[in-house]
């Protein structure tokens, strides 16, 4: 008979490992972005939310 409890905990451990890898990649990407030179011609554009105007 299969040991579903063991399989579940193995899966949970692998999912936790994957989440750690993704979080580390995200943090490194954010750090690289913040350390980079400002993008020439970068422009902030405000977007009007039409749903808020109807309330």
PDB file of N, CA and C in Angstrom:
ATOM      1  N   UNK A   1       0.839  -1.184   0.000  1.00  0.00           N
ATOM      2  CA  UNK A   1       0.000   0.000   0.000  1.00  0.00           C
ATOM      3  C   UNK A   1       0.886   1.250   0.000  1.00  0.00           C
ATOM      4  N   UNK A   2       0.441   2.259  -0.723  1.00  0.00           N
ATOM      5  CA  UNK A   2       1.215   3.490  -0.822  1.00  0.00           C
ATOM      6  C   UNK A   2       1.159   4.272   0.479  1.00  0.00           C
ATOM      7  N   UNK A   3       2.260   4.904   0.800  1.00  0.00           N
ATOM      8  CA  UNK A   3       2.325   5.744   2.000  1.00  0.00           C
ATOM      9  C   UNK A   3       2.018   7.180   1.583  1.00  0.00           C
ATOM     10  N   UNK A   4       0.729   7.523   1.578  1.00  0.00           N
ATOM     11  CA  UNK A   4       0.299   8.833   1.111  1.00  0.00           C
ATOM     12  C   UNK A   4       0.819   9.958   1.996  1.00  0.00           C
ATOM     13  N   UNK A   5       0.936   9.692   3.274  1.00  0.00           N
ATOM     14  CA  UNK A   5       1.445  10.728   4.185  1.00  0.00           C
ATOM     15  C   UNK A   5       2.880  11.096   3.808  1.00  0.00           C
ATOM     16  N   UNK A   6       3.710  10.095   3.570  1.00  0.00           N
ATOM     17  CA  UNK A   6       5.106  10.339   3.179  1.00  0.00           C
ATOM     18  C   UNK A   6       5.153  11.084   1.845  1.00  0.00           C
ATOM     19  N   UNK A   7       4.319  10.662   0.875  1.00  0.00           N
ATOM     20  CA  UNK A   7       4.287  11.320  -0.430  1.00  0.00           C
ATOM     21  C   UNK A   7       3.851  12.778  -0.288  1.00  0.00           C
ATOM     22  N   UNK A   8       2.866  13.027   0.567  1.00  0.00           N
ATOM     23  CA  UNK A   8       2.383  14.387   0.781  1.00  0.00           C
ATOM     24  C   UNK A   8       3.490  15.272   1.344  1.00  0.00           C
ATOM     25  N   UNK A   9       4.191  14.786   2.351  1.00  0.00           N
ATOM     26  CA  UNK A   9       5.249  15.593   2.958  1.00  0.00           C
ATOM     27  C   UNK A   9       6.426  15.803   2.002  1.00  0.00           C
ATOM     28  N   UNK A  10       6.706  14.828   1.155  1.00  0.00           N
ATOM     29  CA  UNK A  10       7.745  15.011   0.147  1.00  0.00           C
ATOM     30  C   UNK A  10       7.331  16.091  -0.846  1.00  0.00           C
ATOM     31  N   UNK A  11       6.077  16.046  -1.276  1.00  0.00           N
ATOM     32  CA  UNK A  11       5.564  17.064  -2.190  1.00  0.00           C
ATOM     33  C   UNK A  11       5.603  18.438  -1.533  1.00  0.00           C
ATOM     34  N   UNK A  12       5.163  18.532  -0.289  1.00  0.00           N
ATOM     35  CA  UNK A  12       5.160  19.814   0.417  1.00  0.00           C
ATOM     36  C   UNK A  12       6.576  20.367   0.540  1.00  0.00           C
ATOM     37  N   UNK A  13       7.546  19.512   0.786  1.00  0.00           N
ATOM     38  CA  UNK A  13       8.932  19.951   0.890  1.00  0.00           C
ATOM     39  C   UNK A  13       9.437  20.476  -0.454  1.00  0.00           C
ATOM     40  N   UNK A  14       9.090  19.803  -1.541  1.00  0.00           N
ATOM     41  CA  UNK A  14       9.510  20.250  -2.876  1.00  0.00           C
ATOM     42  C   UNK A  14       8.849  21.576  -3.242  1.00  0.00           C
ATOM     43  N   UNK A  15       7.578  21.737  -2.866  1.00  0.00           N
ATOM     44  CA  UNK A  15       6.884  23.001  -3.131  1.00  0.00           C
ATOM     45  C   UNK A  15       7.543  24.127  -2.338  1.00  0.00           C
ATOM     46  N   UNK A  16       7.899  23.862  -1.096  1.00  0.00           N
ATOM     47  CA  UNK A  16       8.578  24.867  -0.279  1.00  0.00           C
ATOM     48  C   UNK A  16       9.926  25.238  -0.892  1.00  0.00           C
ATOM     49  N   UNK A  17      10.658  24.247  -1.400  1.00  0.00           N
ATOM     50  CA  UNK A  17      11.940  24.515  -2.066  1.00  0.00           C
ATOM     51  C   UNK A  17      11.731  25.397  -3.301  1.00  0.00           C
ATOM     52  N   UNK A  18      10.709  25.079  -4.088  1.00  0.00           N
ATOM     53  CA  UNK A  18      10.420  25.861  -5.294  1.00  0.00           C
ATOM     54  C   UNK A  18      10.057  27.300  -4.924  1.00  0.00           C
ATOM     55  N   UNK A  19       9.275  27.474  -3.875  1.00  0.00           N
ATOM     56  CA  UNK A  19       8.897  28.819  -3.431  1.00  0.00           C
ATOM     57  C   UNK A  19      10.128  29.610  -2.981  1.00  0.00           C
ATOM     58  N   UNK A  20      11.046  28.943  -2.298  1.00  0.00           N
ATOM     59  CA  UNK A  20      12.287  29.609  -1.878  1.00  0.00           C
ATOM     60  C   UNK A  20      13.096  30.055  -3.093  1.00  0.00           C
ATOM     61  N   UNK A  21      13.186  29.205  -4.107  1.00  0.00           N
ATOM     62  CA  UNK A  21      13.921  29.551  -5.323  1.00  0.00           C
ATOM     63  C   UNK A  21      13.276  30.745  -6.018  1.00  0.00           C
ATOM     64  N   UNK A  22      11.945  30.725  -6.143  1.00  0.00           N
ATOM     65  CA  UNK A  22      11.233  31.831  -6.795  1.00  0.00           C
ATOM     66  C   UNK A  22      11.372  33.131  -5.999  1.00  0.00           C
ATOM     67  N   UNK A  23      11.273  33.053  -4.687  1.00  0.00           N
ATOM     68  CA  UNK A  23      11.412  34.247  -3.852  1.00  0.00           C
ATOM     69  C   UNK A  23      12.817  34.833  -3.977  1.00  0.00           C
ATOM     70  N   UNK A  24      13.828  33.984  -3.977  1.00  0.00           N
ATOM     71  CA  UNK A  24      15.201  34.458  -4.126  1.00  0.00           C
ATOM     72  C   UNK A  24      15.398  35.127  -5.487  1.00  0.00           C
ATOM     73  N   UNK A  25      14.849  34.521  -6.540  1.00  0.00           N
ATOM     74  CA  UNK A  25      14.955  35.108  -7.881  1.00  0.00           C
ATOM     75  C   UNK A  25      14.262  36.456  -7.934  1.00  0.00           C
ATOM     76  N   UNK A  26      13.090  36.555  -7.311  1.00  0.00           N
ATOM     77  CA  UNK A  26      12.368  37.821  -7.267  1.00  0.00           C
ATOM     78  C   UNK A  26      13.178  38.888  -6.547  1.00  0.00           C
ATOM     79  N   UNK A  27      13.734  38.546  -5.397  1.00  0.00           N
ATOM     80  CA  UNK A  27      14.514  39.505  -4.625  1.00  0.00           C
ATOM     81  C   UNK A  27      15.763  39.949  -5.379  1.00  0.00           C
ATOM     82  N   UNK A  28      16.421  39.024  -6.052  1.00  0.00           N
ATOM     83  CA  UNK A  28      17.610  39.382  -6.837  1.00  0.00           C
ATOM     84  C   UNK A  28      17.229  40.288  -8.007  1.00  0.00           C
ATOM     85  N   UNK A  29      16.119  39.988  -8.655  1.00  0.00           N
ATOM     86  CA  UNK A  29      15.651  40.829  -9.754  1.00  0.00           C
ATOM     87  C   UNK A  29      15.308  42.231  -9.287  1.00  0.00           C
ATOM     88  N   UNK A  30      14.646  42.331  -8.144  1.00  0.00           N
ATOM     89  CA  UNK A  30      14.318  43.643  -7.592  1.00  0.00           C
ATOM     90  C   UNK A  30      15.581  44.415  -7.231  1.00  0.00           C
ATOM     91  N   UNK A  31      16.547  43.725  -6.640  1.00  0.00           N
ATOM     92  CA  UNK A  31      17.800  44.382  -6.273  1.00  0.00           C
ATOM     93  C   UNK A  31      18.538  44.868  -7.517  1.00  0.00           C
ATOM     94  N   UNK A  32      18.575  44.038  -8.546  1.00  0.00           N
ATOM     95  CA  UNK A  32      19.225  44.442  -9.798  1.00  0.00           C
ATOM     96  C   UNK A  32      18.529  45.655 -10.396  1.00  0.00           C
ATOM     97  N   UNK A  33      17.202  45.652 -10.358  1.00  0.00           N
ATOM     98  CA  UNK A  33      16.441  46.776 -10.897  1.00  0.00           C
ATOM     99  C   UNK A  33      16.729  48.059 -10.117  1.00  0.00           C
ATOM    100  N   UNK A  34      16.778  47.952  -8.799  1.00  0.00           N
ATOM    101  CA  UNK A  34      17.005  49.140  -7.972  1.00  0.00           C
ATOM    102  C   UNK A  34      18.437  49.660  -8.111  1.00  0.00           C
ATOM    103  N   UNK A  35      19.378  48.769  -8.379  1.00  0.00           N
ATOM    104  CA  UNK A  35      20.780  49.169  -8.520  1.00  0.00           C
ATOM    105  C   UNK A  35      21.115  49.680  -9.912  1.00  0.00           C
ATOM    106  N   UNK A  36      20.236  49.463 -10.873  1.00  0.00           N
ATOM    107  CA  UNK A  36      20.501  49.836 -12.259  1.00  0.00           C
ATOM    108  C   UNK A  36      20.424  51.349 -12.443  1.00  0.00           C
ATOM    109  N   UNK A  37      21.007  51.787 -13.526  1.00  0.00           N
ATOM    110  CA  UNK A  37      20.939  53.199 -13.882  1.00  0.00           C
ATOM    111  C   UNK A  37      19.496  53.548 -14.248  1.00  0.00           C
ATOM    112  N   UNK A  38      19.092  54.771 -13.943  1.00  0.00           N
ATOM    113  CA  UNK A  38      17.735  55.168 -14.330  1.00  0.00           C
ATOM    114  C   UNK A  38      17.536  55.064 -15.843  1.00  0.00           C
ATOM    115  N   UNK A  39      16.383  54.611 -16.224  1.00  0.00           N
ATOM    116  CA  UNK A  39      16.056  54.447 -17.633  1.00  0.00           C
ATOM    117  C   UNK A  39      15.844  55.827 -18.249  1.00  0.00           C
ATOM    118  N   UNK A  40      16.597  56.168 -19.298  1.00  0.00           N
ATOM    119  CA  UNK A  40      16.419  57.486 -19.908  1.00  0.00           C
ATOM    120  C   UNK A  40      15.032  57.602 -20.536  1.00  0.00           C
ATOM    121  N   UNK A  41      14.392  58.697 -20.266  1.00  0.00           N
ATOM    122  CA  UNK A  41      13.075  58.927 -20.828  1.00  0.00           C
ATOM    123  C   UNK A  41      11.970  58.219 -20.073  1.00  0.00           C
ATOM    124  N   UNK A  42      12.276  57.731 -18.869  1.00  0.00           N
ATOM    125  CA  UNK A  42      11.264  57.058 -18.063  1.00  0.00           C
ATOM    126  C   UNK A  42      10.193  58.064 -17.676  1.00  0.00           C
ATOM    127  N   UNK A  43       8.956  57.678 -17.879  1.00  0.00           N
ATOM    128  CA  UNK A  43       7.855  58.586 -17.623  1.00  0.00           C
ATOM    129  C   UNK A  43       6.766  57.859 -16.842  1.00  0.00           C
ATOM    130  N   UNK A  44       6.281  58.490 -15.785  1.00  0.00           N
ATOM    131  CA  UNK A  44       5.196  57.922 -14.997  1.00  0.00           C
ATOM    132  C   UNK A  44       3.888  58.460 -15.559  1.00  0.00           C
ATOM    133  N   UNK A  45       2.965  57.549 -15.829  1.00  0.00           N
ATOM    134  CA  UNK A  45       1.677  57.934 -16.393  1.00  0.00           C
ATOM    135  C   UNK A  45       0.581  57.513 -15.419  1.00  0.00           C
ATOM    136  N   UNK A  46      -0.258  58.466 -15.021  1.00  0.00           N
ATOM    137  CA  UNK A  46      -1.378  58.144 -14.145  1.00  0.00           C
ATOM    138  C   UNK A  46      -2.516  57.583 -14.982  1.00  0.00           C
ATOM    139  N   UNK A  47      -3.075  56.475 -14.527  1.00  0.00           N
ATOM    140  CA  UNK A  47      -4.179  55.854 -15.241  1.00  0.00           C
ATOM    141  C   UNK A  47      -5.458  56.130 -14.473  1.00  0.00           C
ATOM    142  N   UNK A  48      -6.403  56.712 -15.146  1.00  0.00           N
ATOM    143  CA  UNK A  48      -7.674  57.052 -14.530  1.00  0.00           C
ATOM    144  C   UNK A  48      -8.543  55.796 -14.455  1.00  0.00           C
ATOM    145  N   UNK A  49      -9.035  55.491 -13.267  1.00  0.00           N
ATOM    146  CA  UNK A  49      -9.895  54.335 -13.064  1.00  0.00           C
ATOM    147  C   UNK A  49     -11.341  54.782 -13.216  1.00  0.00           C
ATOM    148  N   UNK A  50     -11.954  54.404 -14.324  1.00  0.00           N
ATOM    149  CA  UNK A  50     -13.315  54.837 -14.617  1.00  0.00           C
ATOM    150  C   UNK A  50     -14.324  54.239 -13.641  1.00  0.00           C
ATOM    151  N   UNK A  51     -14.016  53.088 -13.064  1.00  0.00           N
ATOM    152  CA  UNK A  51     -14.940  52.466 -12.123  1.00  0.00           C
ATOM    153  C   UNK A  51     -15.107  53.322 -10.866  1.00  0.00           C
ATOM    154  N   UNK A  52     -14.056  53.996 -10.448  1.00  0.00           N
ATOM    155  CA  UNK A  52     -14.148  54.836  -9.247  1.00  0.00           C
ATOM    156  C   UNK A  52     -14.980  56.090  -9.490  1.00  0.00           C
ATOM    157  N   UNK A  53     -14.997  56.576 -10.730  1.00  0.00           N
ATOM    158  CA  UNK A  53     -15.738  57.795 -11.040  1.00  0.00           C
ATOM    159  C   UNK A  53     -17.239  57.578 -10.999  1.00  0.00           C
ATOM    160  N   UNK A  54     -17.695  56.324 -11.222  1.00  0.00           N
ATOM    161  CA  UNK A  54     -19.116  56.054 -11.283  1.00  0.00           C
ATOM    162  C   UNK A  54     -19.748  55.883  -9.905  1.00  0.00           C
ATOM    163  N   UNK A  55     -18.956  55.790  -8.862  1.00  0.00           N
ATOM    164  CA  UNK A  55     -19.479  55.592  -7.502  1.00  0.00           C
ATOM    165  C   UNK A  55     -19.900  56.882  -6.869  1.00  0.00           C
TER     166      UNK A  55
END
